[in-house]
């Protein structure tokens, strides 16, 4: 993925000072963090699905 160019100098300065990553690649994260992220996404997705099913049944 190409580097994102900040739209002004203030944003570039803050990214350099804070050390914020320009992008996150899931494949490069540690395995535990990847699985935790997948679990959380799945949990929220299933929760939303259950809520929608529960609302439609009533």
PDB file of N, CA and C in Angstrom:
ATOM      1  N   UNK A   1       0.829  -1.165   0.000  1.00  0.00           N
ATOM      2  CA  UNK A   1       0.000   0.000   0.000  1.00  0.00           C
ATOM      3  C   UNK A   1       0.884   1.241   0.000  1.00  0.00           C
ATOM      4  N   UNK A   2       0.634   2.200  -0.868  1.00  0.00           N
ATOM      5  CA  UNK A   2       1.473   3.405  -0.885  1.00  0.00           C
ATOM      6  C   UNK A   2       1.218   4.270   0.343  1.00  0.00           C
ATOM      7  N   UNK A   3       2.237   5.020   0.705  1.00  0.00           N
ATOM      8  CA  UNK A   3       2.120   5.924   1.853  1.00  0.00           C
ATOM      9  C   UNK A   3       1.085   7.001   1.568  1.00  0.00           C
ATOM     10  N   UNK A   4       0.275   7.322   2.559  1.00  0.00           N
ATOM     11  CA  UNK A   4      -0.702   8.399   2.420  1.00  0.00           C
ATOM     12  C   UNK A   4      -0.001   9.728   2.668  1.00  0.00           C
ATOM     13  N   UNK A   5      -0.261  10.693   1.816  1.00  0.00           N
ATOM     14  CA  UNK A   5       0.312  12.020   2.002  1.00  0.00           C
ATOM     15  C   UNK A   5      -0.646  12.852   2.840  1.00  0.00           C
ATOM     16  N   UNK A   6      -0.165  13.477   3.913  1.00  0.00           N
ATOM     17  CA  UNK A   6      -1.036  14.340   4.702  1.00  0.00           C
ATOM     18  C   UNK A   6      -1.434  15.575   3.894  1.00  0.00           C
ATOM     19  N   UNK A   7      -2.614  16.106   4.186  1.00  0.00           N
ATOM     20  CA  UNK A   7      -3.109  17.235   3.402  1.00  0.00           C
ATOM     21  C   UNK A   7      -2.536  18.571   3.841  1.00  0.00           C
ATOM     22  N   UNK A   8      -1.865  18.636   4.989  1.00  0.00           N
ATOM     23  CA  UNK A   8      -1.158  19.860   5.372  1.00  0.00           C
ATOM     24  C   UNK A   8      -0.017  19.521   6.334  1.00  0.00           C
ATOM     25  N   UNK A   9       0.811  20.534   6.621  1.00  0.00           N
ATOM     26  CA  UNK A   9       1.998  20.304   7.450  1.00  0.00           C
ATOM     27  C   UNK A   9       1.651  19.979   8.896  1.00  0.00           C
ATOM     28  N   UNK A  10       0.541  20.529   9.403  1.00  0.00           N
ATOM     29  CA  UNK A  10       0.170  20.279  10.792  1.00  0.00           C
ATOM     30  C   UNK A  10      -0.148  18.804  11.010  1.00  0.00           C
ATOM     31  N   UNK A  11      -0.851  18.202  10.071  1.00  0.00           N
ATOM     32  CA  UNK A  11      -1.198  16.780  10.183  1.00  0.00           C
ATOM     33  C   UNK A  11       0.074  15.930  10.106  1.00  0.00           C
ATOM     34  N   UNK A  12       0.969  16.270   9.203  1.00  0.00           N
ATOM     35  CA  UNK A  12       2.230  15.533   9.086  1.00  0.00           C
ATOM     36  C   UNK A  12       3.032  15.645  10.371  1.00  0.00           C
ATOM     37  N   UNK A  13       3.069  16.834  10.944  1.00  0.00           N
ATOM     38  CA  UNK A  13       3.804  17.044  12.195  1.00  0.00           C
ATOM     39  C   UNK A  13       3.195  16.211  13.324  1.00  0.00           C
ATOM     40  N   UNK A  14       1.878  16.210  13.456  1.00  0.00           N
ATOM     41  CA  UNK A  14       1.221  15.439  14.515  1.00  0.00           C
ATOM     42  C   UNK A  14       1.448  13.942  14.322  1.00  0.00           C
ATOM     43  N   UNK A  15       1.424  13.467  13.082  1.00  0.00           N
ATOM     44  CA  UNK A  15       1.684  12.047  12.839  1.00  0.00           C
ATOM     45  C   UNK A  15       3.107  11.684  13.228  1.00  0.00           C
ATOM     46  N   UNK A  16       4.057  12.568  12.980  1.00  0.00           N
ATOM     47  CA  UNK A  16       5.442  12.301  13.354  1.00  0.00           C
ATOM     48  C   UNK A  16       5.630  12.345  14.861  1.00  0.00           C
ATOM     49  N   UNK A  17       4.998  13.312  15.527  1.00  0.00           N
ATOM     50  CA  UNK A  17       5.143  13.459  16.971  1.00  0.00           C
ATOM     51  C   UNK A  17       4.465  12.305  17.712  1.00  0.00           C
ATOM     52  N   UNK A  18       3.223  11.992  17.308  1.00  0.00           N
ATOM     53  CA  UNK A  18       2.452  10.953  17.998  1.00  0.00           C
ATOM     54  C   UNK A  18       2.878   9.550  17.600  1.00  0.00           C
ATOM     55  N   UNK A  19       3.485   9.416  16.445  1.00  0.00           N
ATOM     56  CA  UNK A  19       3.892   8.096  15.978  1.00  0.00           C
ATOM     57  C   UNK A  19       2.723   7.266  15.503  1.00  0.00           C
ATOM     58  N   UNK A  20       1.689   7.925  14.998  1.00  0.00           N
ATOM     59  CA  UNK A  20       0.511   7.219  14.519  1.00  0.00           C
ATOM     60  C   UNK A  20       0.843   6.465  13.235  1.00  0.00           C
ATOM     61  N   UNK A  21       0.424   5.202  13.133  1.00  0.00           N
ATOM     62  CA  UNK A  21       0.696   4.467  11.894  1.00  0.00           C
ATOM     63  C   UNK A  21      -0.150   5.020  10.752  1.00  0.00           C
ATOM     64  N   UNK A  22       0.393   4.987   9.550  1.00  0.00           N
ATOM     65  CA  UNK A  22      -0.364   5.487   8.403  1.00  0.00           C
ATOM     66  C   UNK A  22      -1.447   4.488   7.992  1.00  0.00           C
ATOM     67  N   UNK A  23      -1.189   3.213   8.174  1.00  0.00           N
ATOM     68  CA  UNK A  23      -2.196   2.192   7.888  1.00  0.00           C
ATOM     69  C   UNK A  23      -1.879   0.966   8.736  1.00  0.00           C
ATOM     70  N   UNK A  24      -2.888   0.157   8.934  1.00  0.00           N
ATOM     71  CA  UNK A  24      -2.719  -1.062   9.728  1.00  0.00           C
ATOM     72  C   UNK A  24      -2.985  -2.258   8.828  1.00  0.00           C
ATOM     73  N   UNK A  25      -2.031  -3.158   8.759  1.00  0.00           N
ATOM     74  CA  UNK A  25      -2.216  -4.390   8.009  1.00  0.00           C
ATOM     75  C   UNK A  25      -2.484  -5.507   9.007  1.00  0.00           C
ATOM     76  N   UNK A  26      -3.658  -6.114   8.888  1.00  0.00           N
ATOM     77  CA  UNK A  26      -4.083  -7.136   9.841  1.00  0.00           C
ATOM     78  C   UNK A  26      -3.131  -8.327   9.831  1.00  0.00           C
ATOM     79  N   UNK A  27      -2.609  -8.679   8.690  1.00  0.00           N
ATOM     80  CA  UNK A  27      -1.727  -9.850   8.587  1.00  0.00           C
ATOM     81  C   UNK A  27      -0.432  -9.668   9.369  1.00  0.00           C
ATOM     82  N   UNK A  28      -0.025  -8.406   9.634  1.00  0.00           N
ATOM     83  CA  UNK A  28       1.225  -8.166  10.345  1.00  0.00           C
ATOM     84  C   UNK A  28       1.034  -8.050  11.853  1.00  0.00           C
ATOM     85  N   UNK A  29      -0.204  -8.073  12.328  1.00  0.00           N
ATOM     86  CA  UNK A  29      -0.455  -8.008  13.769  1.00  0.00           C
ATOM     87  C   UNK A  29      -0.124  -9.353  14.418  1.00  0.00           C
ATOM     88  N   UNK A  30       0.189  -9.354  15.715  1.00  0.00           N
ATOM     89  CA  UNK A  30       0.392 -10.632  16.410  1.00  0.00           C
ATOM     90  C   UNK A  30      -0.876 -11.480  16.355  1.00  0.00           C
ATOM     91  N   UNK A  31      -0.688 -12.769  16.378  1.00  0.00           N
ATOM     92  CA  UNK A  31      -1.802 -13.702  16.222  1.00  0.00           C
ATOM     93  C   UNK A  31      -2.904 -13.472  17.259  1.00  0.00           C
ATOM     94  N   UNK A  32      -2.527 -13.230  18.518  1.00  0.00           N
ATOM     95  CA  UNK A  32      -3.527 -13.020  19.563  1.00  0.00           C
ATOM     96  C   UNK A  32      -4.393 -11.798  19.275  1.00  0.00           C
ATOM     97  N   UNK A  33      -3.777 -10.704  18.836  1.00  0.00           N
ATOM     98  CA  UNK A  33      -4.545  -9.502  18.508  1.00  0.00           C
ATOM     99  C   UNK A  33      -5.441  -9.727  17.297  1.00  0.00           C
ATOM    100  N   UNK A  34      -4.948 -10.465  16.313  1.00  0.00           N
ATOM    101  CA  UNK A  34      -5.773 -10.766  15.137  1.00  0.00           C
ATOM    102  C   UNK A  34      -7.008 -11.551  15.547  1.00  0.00           C
ATOM    103  N   UNK A  35      -6.804 -12.604  16.349  1.00  0.00           N
ATOM    104  CA  UNK A  35      -7.936 -13.429  16.765  1.00  0.00           C
ATOM    105  C   UNK A  35      -8.907 -12.643  17.636  1.00  0.00           C
ATOM    106  N   UNK A  36      -8.379 -11.779  18.491  1.00  0.00           N
ATOM    107  CA  UNK A  36      -9.247 -10.944  19.323  1.00  0.00           C
ATOM    108  C   UNK A  36     -10.082 -10.015  18.438  1.00  0.00           C
ATOM    109  N   UNK A  37      -9.473  -9.428  17.422  1.00  0.00           N
ATOM    110  CA  UNK A  37     -10.204  -8.560  16.497  1.00  0.00           C
ATOM    111  C   UNK A  37     -11.279  -9.320  15.739  1.00  0.00           C
ATOM    112  N   UNK A  38     -10.935 -10.522  15.267  1.00  0.00           N
ATOM    113  CA  UNK A  38     -11.931 -11.344  14.572  1.00  0.00           C
ATOM    114  C   UNK A  38     -13.075 -11.714  15.511  1.00  0.00           C
ATOM    115  N   UNK A  39     -12.740 -12.051  16.763  1.00  0.00           N
ATOM    116  CA  UNK A  39     -13.766 -12.403  17.737  1.00  0.00           C
ATOM    117  C   UNK A  39     -14.704 -11.228  17.992  1.00  0.00           C
ATOM    118  N   UNK A  40     -14.127 -10.031  18.179  1.00  0.00           N
ATOM    119  CA  UNK A  40     -14.955  -8.855  18.459  1.00  0.00           C
ATOM    120  C   UNK A  40     -15.846  -8.514  17.265  1.00  0.00           C
ATOM    121  N   UNK A  41     -15.307  -8.579  16.064  1.00  0.00           N
ATOM    122  CA  UNK A  41     -16.107  -8.292  14.870  1.00  0.00           C
ATOM    123  C   UNK A  41     -17.233  -9.316  14.732  1.00  0.00           C
ATOM    124  N   UNK A  42     -16.914 -10.580  14.955  1.00  0.00           N
ATOM    125  CA  UNK A  42     -17.935 -11.622  14.888  1.00  0.00           C
ATOM    126  C   UNK A  42     -18.985 -11.468  15.966  1.00  0.00           C
ATOM    127  N   UNK A  43     -18.549 -11.110  17.176  1.00  0.00           N
ATOM    128  CA  UNK A  43     -19.486 -10.922  18.275  1.00  0.00           C
ATOM    129  C   UNK A  43     -20.458  -9.783  17.975  1.00  0.00           C
ATOM    130  N   UNK A  44     -19.932  -8.663  17.497  1.00  0.00           N
ATOM    131  CA  UNK A  44     -20.808  -7.526  17.174  1.00  0.00           C
ATOM    132  C   UNK A  44     -21.741  -7.864  16.017  1.00  0.00           C
ATOM    133  N   UNK A  45     -21.227  -8.580  15.022  1.00  0.00           N
ATOM    134  CA  UNK A  45     -22.063  -8.972  13.889  1.00  0.00           C
ATOM    135  C   UNK A  45     -23.193  -9.901  14.315  1.00  0.00           C
ATOM    136  N   UNK A  46     -22.855 -10.909  15.121  1.00  0.00           N
ATOM    137  CA  UNK A  46     -23.896 -11.833  15.590  1.00  0.00           C
ATOM    138  C   UNK A  46     -24.884 -11.146  16.520  1.00  0.00           C
ATOM    139  N   UNK A  47     -24.399 -10.243  17.353  1.00  0.00           N
ATOM    140  CA  UNK A  47     -25.290  -9.505  18.241  1.00  0.00           C
ATOM    141  C   UNK A  47     -26.278  -8.666  17.441  1.00  0.00           C
ATOM    142  N   UNK A  48     -25.789  -7.987  16.416  1.00  0.00           N
ATOM    143  CA  UNK A  48     -26.659  -7.183  15.572  1.00  0.00           C
ATOM    144  C   UNK A  48     -27.693  -8.062  14.881  1.00  0.00           C
ATOM    145  N   UNK A  49     -27.254  -9.213  14.384  1.00  0.00           N
ATOM    146  CA  UNK A  49     -28.161 -10.146  13.730  1.00  0.00           C
ATOM    147  C   UNK A  49     -29.230 -10.645  14.697  1.00  0.00           C
ATOM    148  N   UNK A  50     -28.841 -10.995  15.918  1.00  0.00           N
ATOM    149  CA  UNK A  50     -29.814 -11.473  16.918  1.00  0.00           C
ATOM    150  C   UNK A  50     -30.807 -10.374  17.283  1.00  0.00           C
ATOM    151  N   UNK A  51     -30.331  -9.148  17.415  1.00  0.00           N
ATOM    152  CA  UNK A  51     -31.232  -8.035  17.736  1.00  0.00           C
ATOM    153  C   UNK A  51     -32.236  -7.830  16.609  1.00  0.00           C
ATOM    154  N   UNK A  52     -31.762  -7.851  15.369  1.00  0.00           N
ATOM    155  CA  UNK A  52     -32.674  -7.660  14.236  1.00  0.00           C
ATOM    156  C   UNK A  52     -33.691  -8.793  14.140  1.00  0.00           C
ATOM    157  N   UNK A  53     -33.260 -10.018  14.391  1.00  0.00           N
ATOM    158  CA  UNK A  53     -34.193 -11.147  14.378  1.00  0.00           C
ATOM    159  C   UNK A  53     -35.203 -11.002  15.508  1.00  0.00           C
ATOM    160  N   UNK A  54     -34.736 -10.604  16.693  1.00  0.00           N
ATOM    161  CA  UNK A  54     -35.637 -10.422  17.831  1.00  0.00           C
ATOM    162  C   UNK A  54     -36.664  -9.334  17.585  1.00  0.00           C
ATOM    163  N   UNK A  55     -36.265  -8.267  16.951  1.00  0.00           N
ATOM    164  CA  UNK A  55     -37.202  -7.181  16.653  1.00  0.00           C
ATOM    165  C   UNK A  55     -38.212  -7.621  15.601  1.00  0.00           C
ATOM    166  N   UNK A  56     -37.771  -8.376  14.608  1.00  0.00           N
ATOM    167  CA  UNK A  56     -38.680  -8.785  13.535  1.00  0.00           C
ATOM    168  C   UNK A  56     -39.684  -9.836  14.008  1.00  0.00           C
ATOM    169  N   UNK A  57     -39.349 -10.611  15.032  1.00  0.00           N
ATOM    170  CA  UNK A  57     -40.266 -11.632  15.542  1.00  0.00           C
ATOM    171  C   UNK A  57     -41.443 -10.992  16.280  1.00  0.00           C
ATOM    172  N   UNK A  58     -41.169  -9.903  16.965  1.00  0.00           N
ATOM    173  CA  UNK A  58     -42.240  -9.274  17.761  1.00  0.00           C
ATOM    174  C   UNK A  58     -43.262  -8.674  16.905  1.00  0.00           C
TER     175      UNK A  58
END
